[in-house]
Amino acid sequence: MPVVISFVSTKGGVGKTTVAANLGGLLAAFGLKVLAIDADVQPSLSKFFPVHYRSSQGLTAVVTSGGNPSADCISRTIFSNLDLVYSDTPDAALQAWLNRREDRLMILRRAMRSPLVAPYDVVLIDTQGAVGELQKSAAMAADVMVSPVRPDALSASEFATGTIGMLDELNRLADFGESFRSGDLLALINAHERTTNARALAAVLRQRFVGHAKVRVLHTVIPSAAAYAAAATARIPVHDFDRRRRFGNSAWNVMHGLAWELFPSLANVYAGAPQCSTGDTGTGGVQQGAVA
């Protein structure tokens, strides 16, 4: 089965989509088969990379099939090894549909075990910046969750209350069996500015979760840099936009550091640039359970 990472936060604007897209682009450049799923009602991830084949269906079919998606749910981007399930639920209809399902928390987890998803090495699920049944289902489908946190008081407070609260709510269901237990939550300090206040808040965040059973703050820190917005505008992975290997805070080095931290089996291996594709995706491999 693929390694599944869901990007979650109860606050919008923290950078979930940007991190998910750039990590997906880098892992695909490593040669891994990556499926990006846009589970946000605002379909930012769906628009991040150009596609050369757009499927007839998207997220709605994945969910309403009860987690048994068909091949016509998967689009192909112009980058080798990087496929997409686009968001086609601009209103609350899918959330309302999930609310009526007793198995709503398990639907995306079931989809991750479907024959259609099995050939992928990694699945990345982007979610909305608010608590909802779709986000909860994505959280329960994940081996780990990554939550970008900006080093400002509002974002840190929302992470410590809203996002952690959602995690605690999900794990209270573990009394019904281990299948109802979520993966760990990894906080990723994102858009870090070179200010005393930002450094202090990042230090407080790290200290607060030392020894926490389910929450860990990643060592990787993504700086506030124009390259990330510029790469999104150009619709290319940021590591391919800012390839300055001599600078420790370049997007090339930072994104490689994040990939290595999440997938230790890739440590000290550098990716080539993604190649445009006009056919099926290539092949790759990653150790199962590699996400630390």
Foldseek 3Di string as FASTA:
>chain_A
DAAEEEAAALAPDLCSLLLLLLLLQFVVLQVFQEEEEEAELPFLNLPQFAFPFQAPAADLQCQVVLLAHDPSQKTGGQFFRYIYRTDDRNDCPSLVVLVVDPCLLQRNLSNCVYPVNVQGHYYYYYYYNRDTSSSNSSQLNHQEYEYEAELDPVRLVRCVPVVVVSQVVQQVCCVVDPSSHGHAYEYEHEQQEPDPSSVVSVVVSQVVCVPPPRYHYDPQHQHNDPLSVVCSVVSANSCVSFVPPVDCNRPVNRSLVVVCQQAVVCPPPHGDRTHGDDDHHGHDHGDPPRGD
